[in-house]
Amino acid sequence: MEKFLFVLSRGLEDPVRATRAFQLAKVAKEKGHEVNIFLVDDAVSYAILGLADSVMAPTGDNAKQYLDYLVSQNVPFFVCTPCARTRLFGEDQFIEGAKLSTAGHLIDLAAESKVFSF
């Protein structure tokens, strides 16, 4: 099986990209691949419990359904530390499996994975 890294930089203002990133991560996980998700810039909002609940793409896909699956499968969500701190987000607000991380860790994950960027 392969290792996939999904990097999302768009936030709640772009429900299409976020929903698609989470959908593809779900498909990869269902196929038995190792999946990691790294949230940067405005996408750190998706680490906050409840903020994705009403995010829906024009296709009718809801980000929450994919996030719930990924969380239930223990897919790790890495959250850019300075991005989260700038927005005053703390780990105590995060969804299960999300934790602060660094650019160095992002590069390490990318070096060993196939990367999807949204």
PDB file of N, CA and C in Angstrom:
ATOM      1  N   MET A   1       0.827  -1.174   0.000  1.00  0.00           N
ATOM      2  CA  MET A   1       0.000   0.000   0.000  1.00  0.00           C
ATOM      3  C   MET A   1       0.881   1.250   0.000  1.00  0.00           C
ATOM      4  N   GLU A   2       0.293   2.344  -0.367  1.00  0.00           N
ATOM      5  CA  GLU A   2       1.010   3.611  -0.507  1.00  0.00           C
ATOM      6  C   GLU A   2       0.747   4.529   0.686  1.00  0.00           C
ATOM      7  N   LYS A   3       1.588   5.556   0.782  1.00  0.00           N
ATOM      8  CA  LYS A   3       1.389   6.616   1.772  1.00  0.00           C
ATOM      9  C   LYS A   3       0.934   7.853   1.021  1.00  0.00           C
ATOM     10  N   PHE A   4      -0.162   8.440   1.479  1.00  0.00           N
ATOM     11  CA  PHE A   4      -0.690   9.653   0.868  1.00  0.00           C
ATOM     12  C   PHE A   4      -0.734  10.775   1.895  1.00  0.00           C
ATOM     13  N   LEU A   5      -0.358  11.953   1.446  1.00  0.00           N
ATOM     14  CA  LEU A   5      -0.431  13.153   2.267  1.00  0.00           C
ATOM     15  C   LEU A   5      -1.350  14.146   1.565  1.00  0.00           C
ATOM     16  N   PHE A   6      -2.378  14.572   2.271  1.00  0.00           N
ATOM     17  CA  PHE A   6      -3.309  15.568   1.756  1.00  0.00           C
ATOM     18  C   PHE A   6      -3.027  16.875   2.480  1.00  0.00           C
ATOM     19  N   VAL A   7      -2.642  17.894   1.722  1.00  0.00           N
ATOM     20  CA  VAL A   7      -2.325  19.203   2.282  1.00  0.00           C
ATOM     21  C   VAL A   7      -3.439  20.157   1.863  1.00  0.00           C
ATOM     22  N   LEU A   8      -4.101  20.714   2.844  1.00  0.00           N
ATOM     23  CA  LEU A   8      -5.202  21.637   2.583  1.00  0.00           C
ATOM     24  C   LEU A   8      -4.841  23.003   3.133  1.00  0.00           C
ATOM     25  N   SER A   9      -4.971  24.019   2.286  1.00  0.00           N
ATOM     26  CA  SER A   9      -4.678  25.385   2.723  1.00  0.00           C
ATOM     27  C   SER A   9      -5.899  26.291   2.690  1.00  0.00           C
ATOM     28  N   ARG A  10      -6.968  25.850   2.065  1.00  0.00           N
ATOM     29  CA  ARG A  10      -8.172  26.677   1.948  1.00  0.00           C
ATOM     30  C   ARG A  10      -9.111  26.391   3.102  1.00  0.00           C
ATOM     31  N   GLY A  11      -9.784  27.424   3.562  1.00  0.00           N
ATOM     32  CA  GLY A  11     -10.632  27.296   4.735  1.00  0.00           C
ATOM     33  C   GLY A  11     -12.101  27.189   4.424  1.00  0.00           C
ATOM     34  N   LEU A  12     -12.893  27.653   5.355  1.00  0.00           N
ATOM     35  CA  LEU A  12     -14.344  27.543   5.271  1.00  0.00           C
ATOM     36  C   LEU A  12     -14.913  28.309   4.080  1.00  0.00           C
ATOM     37  N   GLU A  13     -14.141  29.261   3.552  1.00  0.00           N
ATOM     38  CA  GLU A  13     -14.605  30.056   2.414  1.00  0.00           C
ATOM     39  C   GLU A  13     -14.560  29.287   1.094  1.00  0.00           C
ATOM     40  N   ASP A  14     -13.922  28.132   1.084  1.00  0.00           N
ATOM     41  CA  ASP A  14     -13.799  27.339  -0.141  1.00  0.00           C
ATOM     42  C   ASP A  14     -14.239  25.899   0.121  1.00  0.00           C
ATOM     43  N   PRO A  15     -15.549  25.675   0.247  1.00  0.00           N
ATOM     44  CA  PRO A  15     -16.036  24.350   0.620  1.00  0.00           C
ATOM     45  C   PRO A  15     -15.756  23.265  -0.419  1.00  0.00           C
ATOM     46  N   VAL A  16     -15.583  23.650  -1.673  1.00  0.00           N
ATOM     47  CA  VAL A  16     -15.336  22.650  -2.721  1.00  0.00           C
ATOM     48  C   VAL A  16     -13.978  21.981  -2.510  1.00  0.00           C
ATOM     49  N   ARG A  17     -12.940  22.772  -2.355  1.00  0.00           N
ATOM     50  CA  ARG A  17     -11.600  22.190  -2.185  1.00  0.00           C
ATOM     51  C   ARG A  17     -11.505  21.348  -0.921  1.00  0.00           C
ATOM     52  N   ALA A  18     -12.034  21.858   0.161  1.00  0.00           N
ATOM     53  CA  ALA A  18     -11.948  21.119   1.418  1.00  0.00           C
ATOM     54  C   ALA A  18     -12.718  19.808   1.348  1.00  0.00           C
ATOM     55  N   THR A  19     -13.931  19.889   0.846  1.00  0.00           N
ATOM     56  CA  THR A  19     -14.746  18.680   0.758  1.00  0.00           C
ATOM     57  C   THR A  19     -14.080  17.648  -0.139  1.00  0.00           C
ATOM     58  N   ARG A  20     -13.530  18.095  -1.254  1.00  0.00           N
ATOM     59  CA  ARG A  20     -12.879  17.160  -2.174  1.00  0.00           C
ATOM     60  C   ARG A  20     -11.623  16.556  -1.542  1.00  0.00           C
ATOM     61  N   ALA A  21     -10.850  17.350  -0.839  1.00  0.00           N
ATOM     62  CA  ALA A  21      -9.648  16.825  -0.178  1.00  0.00           C
ATOM     63  C   ALA A  21     -10.019  15.732   0.819  1.00  0.00           C
ATOM     64  N   PHE A  22     -11.034  15.989   1.636  1.00  0.00           N
ATOM     65  CA  PHE A  22     -11.446  15.001   2.632  1.00  0.00           C
ATOM     66  C   PHE A  22     -12.075  13.771   1.980  1.00  0.00           C
ATOM     67  N   GLN A  23     -12.801  13.976   0.886  1.00  0.00           N
ATOM     68  CA  GLN A  23     -13.398  12.842   0.181  1.00  0.00           C
ATOM     69  C   GLN A  23     -12.306  11.929  -0.371  1.00  0.00           C
ATOM     70  N   LEU A  24     -11.312  12.504  -1.021  1.00  0.00           N
ATOM     71  CA  LEU A  24     -10.238  11.690  -1.597  1.00  0.00           C
ATOM     72  C   LEU A  24      -9.410  11.010  -0.511  1.00  0.00           C
ATOM     73  N   ALA A  25      -9.225  11.686   0.604  1.00  0.00           N
ATOM     74  CA  ALA A  25      -8.523  11.057   1.729  1.00  0.00           C
ATOM     75  C   ALA A  25      -9.312   9.851   2.232  1.00  0.00           C
ATOM     76  N   LYS A  26     -10.630   9.982   2.275  1.00  0.00           N
ATOM     77  CA  LYS A  26     -11.491   8.867   2.695  1.00  0.00           C
ATOM     78  C   LYS A  26     -11.367   7.693   1.728  1.00  0.00           C
ATOM     79  N   VAL A  27     -11.398   7.974   0.441  1.00  0.00           N
ATOM     80  CA  VAL A  27     -11.275   6.912  -0.568  1.00  0.00           C
ATOM     81  C   VAL A  27      -9.934   6.196  -0.415  1.00  0.00           C
ATOM     82  N   ALA A  28      -8.868   6.971  -0.226  1.00  0.00           N
ATOM     83  CA  ALA A  28      -7.538   6.364  -0.058  1.00  0.00           C
ATOM     84  C   ALA A  28      -7.501   5.470   1.182  1.00  0.00           C
ATOM     85  N   LYS A  29      -8.090   5.935   2.262  1.00  0.00           N
ATOM     86  CA  LYS A  29      -8.114   5.148   3.497  1.00  0.00           C
ATOM     87  C   LYS A  29      -8.933   3.873   3.315  1.00  0.00           C
ATOM     88  N   GLU A  30     -10.079   3.988   2.641  1.00  0.00           N
ATOM     89  CA  GLU A  30     -10.920   2.814   2.389  1.00  0.00           C
ATOM     90  C   GLU A  30     -10.189   1.776   1.558  1.00  0.00           C
ATOM     91  N   LYS A  31      -9.283   2.212   0.701  1.00  0.00           N
ATOM     92  CA  LYS A  31      -8.514   1.286  -0.135  1.00  0.00           C
ATOM     93  C   LYS A  31      -7.312   0.700   0.623  1.00  0.00           C
ATOM     94  N   GLY A  32      -7.167   1.077   1.881  1.00  0.00           N
ATOM     95  CA  GLY A  32      -6.121   0.496   2.713  1.00  0.00           C
ATOM     96  C   GLY A  32      -4.811   1.255   2.731  1.00  0.00           C
ATOM     97  N   HIS A  33      -4.773   2.436   2.141  1.00  0.00           N
ATOM     98  CA  HIS A  33      -3.544   3.222   2.120  1.00  0.00           C
ATOM     99  C   HIS A  33      -3.360   3.962   3.441  1.00  0.00           C
ATOM    100  N   GLU A  34      -2.126   4.301   3.736  1.00  0.00           N
ATOM    101  CA  GLU A  34      -1.830   5.159   4.883  1.00  0.00           C
ATOM    102  C   GLU A  34      -2.127   6.594   4.472  1.00  0.00           C
ATOM    103  N   VAL A  35      -2.874   7.299   5.302  1.00  0.00           N
ATOM    104  CA  VAL A  35      -3.292   8.665   4.987  1.00  0.00           C
ATOM    105  C   VAL A  35      -2.912   9.597   6.123  1.00  0.00           C
ATOM    106  N   ASN A  36      -2.331  10.738   5.765  1.00  0.00           N
ATOM    107  CA  ASN A  36      -2.070  11.831   6.689  1.00  0.00           C
ATOM    108  C   ASN A  36      -2.665  13.094   6.095  1.00  0.00           C
ATOM    109  N   ILE A  37      -3.143  13.971   6.955  1.00  0.00           N
ATOM    110  CA  ILE A  37      -3.698  15.244   6.507  1.00  0.00           C
ATOM    111  C   ILE A  37      -2.960  16.358   7.226  1.00  0.00           C
ATOM    112  N   PHE A  38      -2.528  17.349   6.455  1.00  0.00           N
ATOM    113  CA  PHE A  38      -1.840  18.503   7.026  1.00  0.00           C
ATOM    114  C   PHE A  38      -2.649  19.742   6.678  1.00  0.00           C
ATOM    115  N   LEU A  39      -3.038  20.492   7.702  1.00  0.00           N
ATOM    116  CA  LEU A  39      -3.837  21.705   7.527  1.00  0.00           C
ATOM    117  C   LEU A  39      -2.956  22.931   7.731  1.00  0.00           C
ATOM    118  N   VAL A  40      -2.940  23.807   6.733  1.00  0.00           N
ATOM    119  CA  VAL A  40      -2.157  25.045   6.816  1.00  0.00           C
ATOM    120  C   VAL A  40      -3.058  26.240   6.495  1.00  0.00           C
ATOM    121  N   ASP A  41      -2.564  27.423   6.796  1.00  0.00           N
ATOM    122  CA  ASP A  41      -3.257  28.669   6.502  1.00  0.00           C
ATOM    123  C   ASP A  41      -4.704  28.604   7.007  1.00  0.00           C
ATOM    124  N   ASP A  42      -5.660  29.013   6.181  1.00  0.00           N
ATOM    125  CA  ASP A  42      -7.058  29.061   6.629  1.00  0.00           C
ATOM    126  C   ASP A  42      -7.669  27.688   6.883  1.00  0.00           C
ATOM    127  N   ALA A  43      -7.053  26.642   6.379  1.00  0.00           N
ATOM    128  CA  ALA A  43      -7.585  25.289   6.572  1.00  0.00           C
ATOM    129  C   ALA A  43      -7.493  24.819   8.021  1.00  0.00           C
ATOM    130  N   VAL A  44      -6.727  25.487   8.855  1.00  0.00           N
ATOM    131  CA  VAL A  44      -6.661  25.070  10.259  1.00  0.00           C
ATOM    132  C   VAL A  44      -8.032  25.119  10.923  1.00  0.00           C
ATOM    133  N   SER A  45      -8.960  25.853  10.338  1.00  0.00           N
ATOM    134  CA  SER A  45     -10.329  25.908  10.870  1.00  0.00           C
ATOM    135  C   SER A  45     -10.971  24.525  10.913  1.00  0.00           C
ATOM    136  N   TYR A  46     -10.576  23.659   9.993  1.00  0.00           N
ATOM    137  CA  TYR A  46     -11.170  22.317   9.956  1.00  0.00           C
ATOM    138  C   TYR A  46     -10.736  21.457  11.132  1.00  0.00           C
ATOM    139  N   ALA A  47      -9.728  21.872  11.854  1.00  0.00           N
ATOM    140  CA  ALA A  47      -9.312  21.135  13.043  1.00  0.00           C
ATOM    141  C   ALA A  47     -10.176  21.465  14.255  1.00  0.00           C
ATOM    142  N   ILE A  48     -10.932  22.546  14.161  1.00  0.00           N
ATOM    143  CA  ILE A  48     -11.753  22.978  15.295  1.00  0.00           C
ATOM    144  C   ILE A  48     -13.076  22.222  15.295  1.00  0.00           C
ATOM    145  N   LEU A  49     -13.350  21.567  16.394  1.00  0.00           N
ATOM    146  CA  LEU A  49     -14.557  20.761  16.546  1.00  0.00           C
ATOM    147  C   LEU A  49     -15.802  21.587  16.229  1.00  0.00           C
ATOM    148  N   GLY A  50     -16.592  21.109  15.274  1.00  0.00           N
ATOM    149  CA  GLY A  50     -17.860  21.729  14.934  1.00  0.00           C
ATOM    150  C   GLY A  50     -17.831  22.730  13.792  1.00  0.00           C
ATOM    151  N   LEU A  51     -16.668  23.269  13.439  1.00  0.00           N
ATOM    152  CA  LEU A  51     -16.628  24.298  12.403  1.00  0.00           C
ATOM    153  C   LEU A  51     -16.942  23.754  11.009  1.00  0.00           C
ATOM    154  N   ALA A  52     -16.708  22.490  10.761  1.00  0.00           N
ATOM    155  CA  ALA A  52     -16.958  21.920   9.431  1.00  0.00           C
ATOM    156  C   ALA A  52     -18.382  21.372   9.288  1.00  0.00           C
ATOM    157  N   ASP A  53     -19.163  21.447  10.332  1.00  0.00           N
ATOM    158  CA  ASP A  53     -20.474  20.792  10.332  1.00  0.00           C
ATOM    159  C   ASP A  53     -21.395  21.236   9.208  1.00  0.00           C
ATOM    160  N   SER A  54     -21.309  22.483   8.777  1.00  0.00           N
ATOM    161  CA  SER A  54     -22.226  22.962   7.742  1.00  0.00           C
ATOM    162  C   SER A  54     -21.526  23.247   6.415  1.00  0.00           C
ATOM    163  N   VAL A  55     -20.296  22.774   6.254  1.00  0.00           N
ATOM    164  CA  VAL A  55     -19.545  23.009   5.016  1.00  0.00           C
ATOM    165  C   VAL A  55     -20.005  21.997   3.970  1.00  0.00           C
ATOM    166  N   MET A  56     -20.550  22.521   2.864  1.00  0.00           N
ATOM    167  CA  MET A  56     -21.092  21.652   1.827  1.00  0.00           C
ATOM    168  C   MET A  56     -20.672  22.159   0.451  1.00  0.00           C
ATOM    169  N   ALA A  57     -20.253  21.241  -0.388  1.00  0.00           N
ATOM    170  CA  ALA A  57     -19.905  21.564  -1.773  1.00  0.00           C
ATOM    171  C   ALA A  57     -21.186  21.659  -2.595  1.00  0.00           C
ATOM    172  N   PRO A  58     -21.145  22.336  -3.742  1.00  0.00           N
ATOM    173  CA  PRO A  58     -22.327  22.429  -4.604  1.00  0.00           C
ATOM    174  C   PRO A  58     -22.858  21.069  -5.053  1.00  0.00           C
ATOM    175  N   THR A  59     -22.018  20.046  -5.025  1.00  0.00           N
ATOM    176  CA  THR A  59     -22.442  18.693  -5.406  1.00  0.00           C
ATOM    177  C   THR A  59     -23.309  18.035  -4.336  1.00  0.00           C
ATOM    178  N   GLY A  60     -23.389  18.674  -3.170  1.00  0.00           N
ATOM    179  CA  GLY A  60     -24.159  18.108  -2.062  1.00  0.00           C
ATOM    180  C   GLY A  60     -23.303  17.359  -1.063  1.00  0.00           C
ATOM    181  N   ASP A  61     -22.017  17.164  -1.384  1.00  0.00           N
ATOM    182  CA  ASP A  61     -21.103  16.511  -0.446  1.00  0.00           C
ATOM    183  C   ASP A  61     -20.895  17.414   0.766  1.00  0.00           C
ATOM    184  N   ASN A  62     -20.929  16.810   1.933  1.00  0.00           N
ATOM    185  CA  ASN A  62     -20.738  17.539   3.175  1.00  0.00           C
ATOM    186  C   ASN A  62     -19.382  17.170   3.754  1.00  0.00           C
ATOM    187  N   ALA A  63     -18.580  18.166   4.090  1.00  0.00           N
ATOM    188  CA  ALA A  63     -17.244  17.911   4.640  1.00  0.00           C
ATOM    189  C   ALA A  63     -17.314  17.092   5.924  1.00  0.00           C
ATOM    190  N   LYS A  64     -18.321  17.311   6.731  1.00  0.00           N
ATOM    191  CA  LYS A  64     -18.437  16.622   8.023  1.00  0.00           C
ATOM    192  C   LYS A  64     -18.504  15.108   7.864  1.00  0.00           C
ATOM    193  N   GLN A  65     -19.237  14.630   6.850  1.00  0.00           N
ATOM    194  CA  GLN A  65     -19.343  13.174   6.685  1.00  0.00           C
ATOM    195  C   GLN A  65     -17.983  12.550   6.429  1.00  0.00           C
ATOM    196  N   TYR A  66     -17.145  13.228   5.687  1.00  0.00           N
ATOM    197  CA  TYR A  66     -15.802  12.719   5.403  1.00  0.00           C
ATOM    198  C   TYR A  66     -14.891  12.871   6.610  1.00  0.00           C
ATOM    199  N   LEU A  67     -14.976  14.017   7.271  1.00  0.00           N
ATOM    200  CA  LEU A  67     -14.174  14.222   8.478  1.00  0.00           C
ATOM    201  C   LEU A  67     -14.509  13.188   9.543  1.00  0.00           C
ATOM    202  N   ASP A  68     -15.792  12.939   9.738  1.00  0.00           N
ATOM    203  CA  ASP A  68     -16.200  11.947  10.744  1.00  0.00           C
ATOM    204  C   ASP A  68     -15.613  10.573  10.429  1.00  0.00           C
ATOM    205  N   TYR A  69     -15.634  10.185   9.168  1.00  0.00           N
ATOM    206  CA  TYR A  69     -15.052   8.898   8.779  1.00  0.00           C
ATOM    207  C   TYR A  69     -13.548   8.885   9.078  1.00  0.00           C
ATOM    208  N   LEU A  70     -12.847   9.934   8.662  1.00  0.00           N
ATOM    209  CA  LEU A  70     -11.389   9.988   8.851  1.00  0.00           C
ATOM    210  C   LEU A  70     -11.026   9.948  10.330  1.00  0.00           C
ATOM    211  N   VAL A  71     -11.774  10.669  11.141  1.00  0.00           N
ATOM    212  CA  VAL A  71     -11.528  10.649  12.589  1.00  0.00           C
ATOM    213  C   VAL A  71     -11.782   9.249  13.138  1.00  0.00           C
ATOM    214  N   SER A  72     -12.862   8.606  12.695  1.00  0.00           N
ATOM    215  CA  SER A  72     -13.179   7.264  13.195  1.00  0.00           C
ATOM    216  C   SER A  72     -12.118   6.238  12.802  1.00  0.00           C
ATOM    217  N   GLN A  73     -11.389   6.512  11.729  1.00  0.00           N
ATOM    218  CA  GLN A  73     -10.330   5.610  11.261  1.00  0.00           C
ATOM    219  C   GLN A  73      -8.952   6.011  11.781  1.00  0.00           C
ATOM    220  N   ASN A  74      -8.925   6.943  12.712  1.00  0.00           N
ATOM    221  CA  ASN A  74      -7.684   7.402  13.354  1.00  0.00           C
ATOM    222  C   ASN A  74      -6.678   7.998  12.372  1.00  0.00           C
ATOM    223  N   VAL A  75      -7.183   8.650  11.330  1.00  0.00           N
ATOM    224  CA  VAL A  75      -6.297   9.351  10.406  1.00  0.00           C
ATOM    225  C   VAL A  75      -5.763  10.587  11.129  1.00  0.00           C
ATOM    226  N   PRO A  76      -4.443  10.765  11.160  1.00  0.00           N
ATOM    227  CA  PRO A  76      -3.899  11.928  11.850  1.00  0.00           C
ATOM    228  C   PRO A  76      -4.089  13.221  11.056  1.00  0.00           C
ATOM    229  N   PHE A  77      -4.453  14.263  11.776  1.00  0.00           N
ATOM    230  CA  PHE A  77      -4.552  15.612  11.234  1.00  0.00           C
ATOM    231  C   PHE A  77      -3.449  16.436  11.891  1.00  0.00           C
ATOM    232  N   PHE A  78      -2.553  16.942  11.075  1.00  0.00           N
ATOM    233  CA  PHE A  78      -1.486  17.793  11.568  1.00  0.00           C
ATOM    234  C   PHE A  78      -1.850  19.234  11.252  1.00  0.00           C
ATOM    235  N   VAL A  79      -1.723  20.097  12.252  1.00  0.00           N
ATOM    236  CA  VAL A  79      -2.177  21.476  12.151  1.00  0.00           C
ATOM    237  C   VAL A  79      -0.973  22.404  12.283  1.00  0.00           C
ATOM    238  N   CYS A  80      -0.783  23.237  11.291  1.00  0.00           N
ATOM    239  CA  CYS A  80       0.317  24.200  11.294  1.00  0.00           C
ATOM    240  C   CYS A  80       0.268  25.029  12.579  1.00  0.00           C
ATOM    241  N   THR A  81       1.321  24.951  13.365  1.00  0.00           N
ATOM    242  CA  THR A  81       1.360  25.633  14.661  1.00  0.00           C
ATOM    243  C   THR A  81       1.204  27.146  14.528  1.00  0.00           C
ATOM    244  N   PRO A  82       2.040  27.830  13.721  1.00  0.00           N
ATOM    245  CA  PRO A  82       1.857  29.285  13.654  1.00  0.00           C
ATOM    246  C   PRO A  82       0.519  29.698  13.042  1.00  0.00           C
ATOM    247  N   CYS A  83       0.002  28.898  12.119  1.00  0.00           N
ATOM    248  CA  CYS A  83      -1.309  29.199  11.506  1.00  0.00           C
ATOM    249  C   CYS A  83      -2.413  29.143  12.557  1.00  0.00           C
ATOM    250  N   ALA A  84      -2.356  28.133  13.417  1.00  0.00           N
ATOM    251  CA  ALA A  84      -3.362  27.980  14.468  1.00  0.00           C
ATOM    252  C   ALA A  84      -3.200  29.059  15.536  1.00  0.00           C
ATOM    253  N   ARG A  85      -1.981  29.322  15.938  1.00  0.00           N
ATOM    254  CA  ARG A  85      -1.753  30.324  16.990  1.00  0.00           C
ATOM    255  C   ARG A  85      -2.175  31.718  16.544  1.00  0.00           C
ATOM    256  N   THR A  86      -1.921  32.051  15.284  1.00  0.00           N
ATOM    257  CA  THR A  86      -2.335  33.349  14.752  1.00  0.00           C
ATOM    258  C   THR A  86      -3.849  33.517  14.861  1.00  0.00           C
ATOM    259  N   ARG A  87      -4.577  32.425  14.703  1.00  0.00           N
ATOM    260  CA  ARG A  87      -6.042  32.451  14.769  1.00  0.00           C
ATOM    261  C   ARG A  87      -6.565  32.158  16.179  1.00  0.00           C
ATOM    262  N   LEU A  88      -5.656  32.063  17.130  1.00  0.00           N
ATOM    263  CA  LEU A  88      -5.973  31.819  18.541  1.00  0.00           C
ATOM    264  C   LEU A  88      -6.652  30.478  18.771  1.00  0.00           C
ATOM    265  N   PHE A  89      -6.286  29.486  17.966  1.00  0.00           N
ATOM    266  CA  PHE A  89      -6.805  28.130  18.124  1.00  0.00           C
ATOM    267  C   PHE A  89      -5.842  27.317  18.982  1.00  0.00           C
ATOM    268  N   GLY A  90      -6.390  26.518  19.870  1.00  0.00           N
ATOM    269  CA  GLY A  90      -5.579  25.650  20.713  1.00  0.00           C
ATOM    270  C   GLY A  90      -5.985  24.202  20.554  1.00  0.00           C
ATOM    271  N   GLU A  91      -5.073  23.297  20.918  1.00  0.00           N
ATOM    272  CA  GLU A  91      -5.337  21.869  20.767  1.00  0.00           C
ATOM    273  C   GLU A  91      -6.561  21.406  21.552  1.00  0.00           C
ATOM    274  N   ASP A  92      -6.911  22.128  22.614  1.00  0.00           N
ATOM    275  CA  ASP A  92      -8.089  21.753  23.393  1.00  0.00           C
ATOM    276  C   ASP A  92      -9.387  21.941  22.598  1.00  0.00           C
ATOM    277  N   GLN A  93      -9.325  22.633  21.466  1.00  0.00           N
ATOM    278  CA  GLN A  93     -10.489  22.855  20.612  1.00  0.00           C
ATOM    279  C   GLN A  93     -10.532  21.888  19.426  1.00  0.00           C
ATOM    280  N   PHE A  94      -9.486  21.099  19.257  1.00  0.00           N
ATOM    281  CA  PHE A  94      -9.325  20.286  18.050  1.00  0.00           C
ATOM    282  C   PHE A  94     -10.204  19.034  18.040  1.00  0.00           C
ATOM    283  N   ILE A  95     -10.492  18.583  16.810  1.00  0.00           N
ATOM    284  CA  ILE A  95     -11.133  17.298  16.623  1.00  0.00           C
ATOM    285  C   ILE A  95     -10.179  16.205  17.106  1.00  0.00           C
ATOM    286  N   GLU A  96     -10.723  15.055  17.383  1.00  0.00           N
ATOM    287  CA  GLU A  96      -9.912  13.924  17.819  1.00  0.00           C
ATOM    288  C   GLU A  96      -8.871  13.587  16.743  1.00  0.00           C
ATOM    289  N   GLY A  97      -7.645  13.357  17.153  1.00  0.00           N
ATOM    290  CA  GLY A  97      -6.586  12.981  16.226  1.00  0.00           C
ATOM    291  C   GLY A  97      -5.833  14.155  15.620  1.00  0.00           C
ATOM    292  N   ALA A  98      -6.238  15.373  15.944  1.00  0.00           N
ATOM    293  CA  ALA A  98      -5.542  16.555  15.411  1.00  0.00           C
ATOM    294  C   ALA A  98      -4.543  17.070  16.439  1.00  0.00           C
ATOM    295  N   LYS A  99      -3.378  17.465  15.935  1.00  0.00           N
ATOM    296  CA  LYS A  99      -2.375  18.028  16.832  1.00  0.00           C
ATOM    297  C   LYS A  99      -1.513  19.025  16.076  1.00  0.00           C
ATOM    298  N   LEU A 100      -0.942  19.934  16.828  1.00  0.00           N
ATOM    299  CA  LEU A 100      -0.073  20.948  16.240  1.00  0.00           C
ATOM    300  C   LEU A 100       1.171  20.309  15.654  1.00  0.00           C
ATOM    301  N   SER A 101       1.662  20.902  14.571  1.00  0.00           N
ATOM    302  CA  SER A 101       2.842  20.368  13.912  1.00  0.00           C
ATOM    303  C   SER A 101       3.621  21.510  13.254  1.00  0.00           C
ATOM    304  N   THR A 102       4.717  21.143  12.621  1.00  0.00           N
ATOM    305  CA  THR A 102       5.632  22.142  12.081  1.00  0.00           C
ATOM    306  C   THR A 102       5.869  21.955  10.586  1.00  0.00           C
ATOM    307  N   ALA A 103       6.463  22.967   9.988  1.00  0.00           N
ATOM    308  CA  ALA A 103       6.827  22.889   8.573  1.00  0.00           C
ATOM    309  C   ALA A 103       7.830  21.766   8.330  1.00  0.00           C
ATOM    310  N   GLY A 104       8.732  21.556   9.260  1.00  0.00           N
ATOM    311  CA  GLY A 104       9.703  20.472   9.125  1.00  0.00           C
ATOM    312  C   GLY A 104       9.018  19.117   9.046  1.00  0.00           C
ATOM    313  N   HIS A 105       7.992  18.927   9.871  1.00  0.00           N
ATOM    314  CA  HIS A 105       7.244  17.669   9.838  1.00  0.00           C
ATOM    315  C   HIS A 105       6.498  17.524   8.517  1.00  0.00           C
ATOM    316  N   LEU A 106       5.937  18.619   8.013  1.00  0.00           N
ATOM    317  CA  LEU A 106       5.261  18.589   6.714  1.00  0.00           C
ATOM    318  C   LEU A 106       6.218  18.128   5.621  1.00  0.00           C
ATOM    319  N   ILE A 107       7.425  18.658   5.624  1.00  0.00           N
ATOM    320  CA  ILE A 107       8.423  18.277   4.615  1.00  0.00           C
ATOM    321  C   ILE A 107       8.794  16.807   4.765  1.00  0.00           C
ATOM    322  N   ASP A 108       8.955  16.331   5.997  1.00  0.00           N
ATOM    323  CA  ASP A 108       9.275  14.919   6.221  1.00  0.00           C
ATOM    324  C   ASP A 108       8.158  14.017   5.693  1.00  0.00           C
ATOM    325  N   LEU A 109       6.913  14.367   5.982  1.00  0.00           N
ATOM    326  CA  LEU A 109       5.785  13.582   5.479  1.00  0.00           C
ATOM    327  C   LEU A 109       5.748  13.592   3.951  1.00  0.00           C
ATOM    328  N   ALA A 110       5.975  14.762   3.358  1.00  0.00           N
ATOM    329  CA  ALA A 110       5.945  14.888   1.896  1.00  0.00           C
ATOM    330  C   ALA A 110       7.047  14.065   1.243  1.00  0.00           C
ATOM    331  N   ALA A 111       8.196  13.986   1.891  1.00  0.00           N
ATOM    332  CA  ALA A 111       9.328  13.255   1.322  1.00  0.00           C
ATOM    333  C   ALA A 111       9.054  11.763   1.193  1.00  0.00           C
ATOM    334  N   GLU A 112       8.138  11.251   2.001  1.00  0.00           N
ATOM    335  CA  GLU A 112       7.865   9.809   1.989  1.00  0.00           C
ATOM    336  C   GLU A 112       6.466   9.465   1.486  1.00  0.00           C
ATOM    337  N   SER A 113       5.764  10.448   0.922  1.00  0.00           N
ATOM    338  CA  SER A 113       4.373  10.241   0.509  1.00  0.00           C
ATOM    339  C   SER A 113       4.105  10.756  -0.891  1.00  0.00           C
ATOM    340  N   LYS A 114       2.993  10.306  -1.431  1.00  0.00           N
ATOM    341  CA  LYS A 114       2.430  10.935  -2.608  1.00  0.00           C
ATOM    342  C   LYS A 114       1.558  12.071  -2.082  1.00  0.00           C
ATOM    343  N   VAL A 115       1.758  13.271  -2.620  1.00  0.00           N
ATOM    344  CA  VAL A 115       1.141  14.460  -2.045  1.00  0.00           C
ATOM    345  C   VAL A 115       0.022  14.997  -2.929  1.00  0.00           C
ATOM    346  N   PHE A 116      -1.112  15.274  -2.287  1.00  0.00           N
ATOM    347  CA  PHE A 116      -2.228  15.969  -2.914  1.00  0.00           C
ATOM    348  C   PHE A 116      -2.349  17.311  -2.223  1.00  0.00           C
ATOM    349  N   SER A 117      -2.427  18.365  -2.981  1.00  0.00           N
ATOM    350  CA  SER A 117      -2.513  19.705  -2.399  1.00  0.00           C
ATOM    351  C   SER A 117      -3.788  20.393  -2.850  1.00  0.00           C
ATOM    352  N   PHE A 118      -4.514  20.930  -1.900  1.00  0.00           N
ATOM    353  CA  PHE A 118      -5.769  21.618  -2.179  1.00  0.00           C
ATOM    354  C   PHE A 118      -5.751  23.006  -1.559  1.00  0.00           C
TER     355      PHE A 118
END
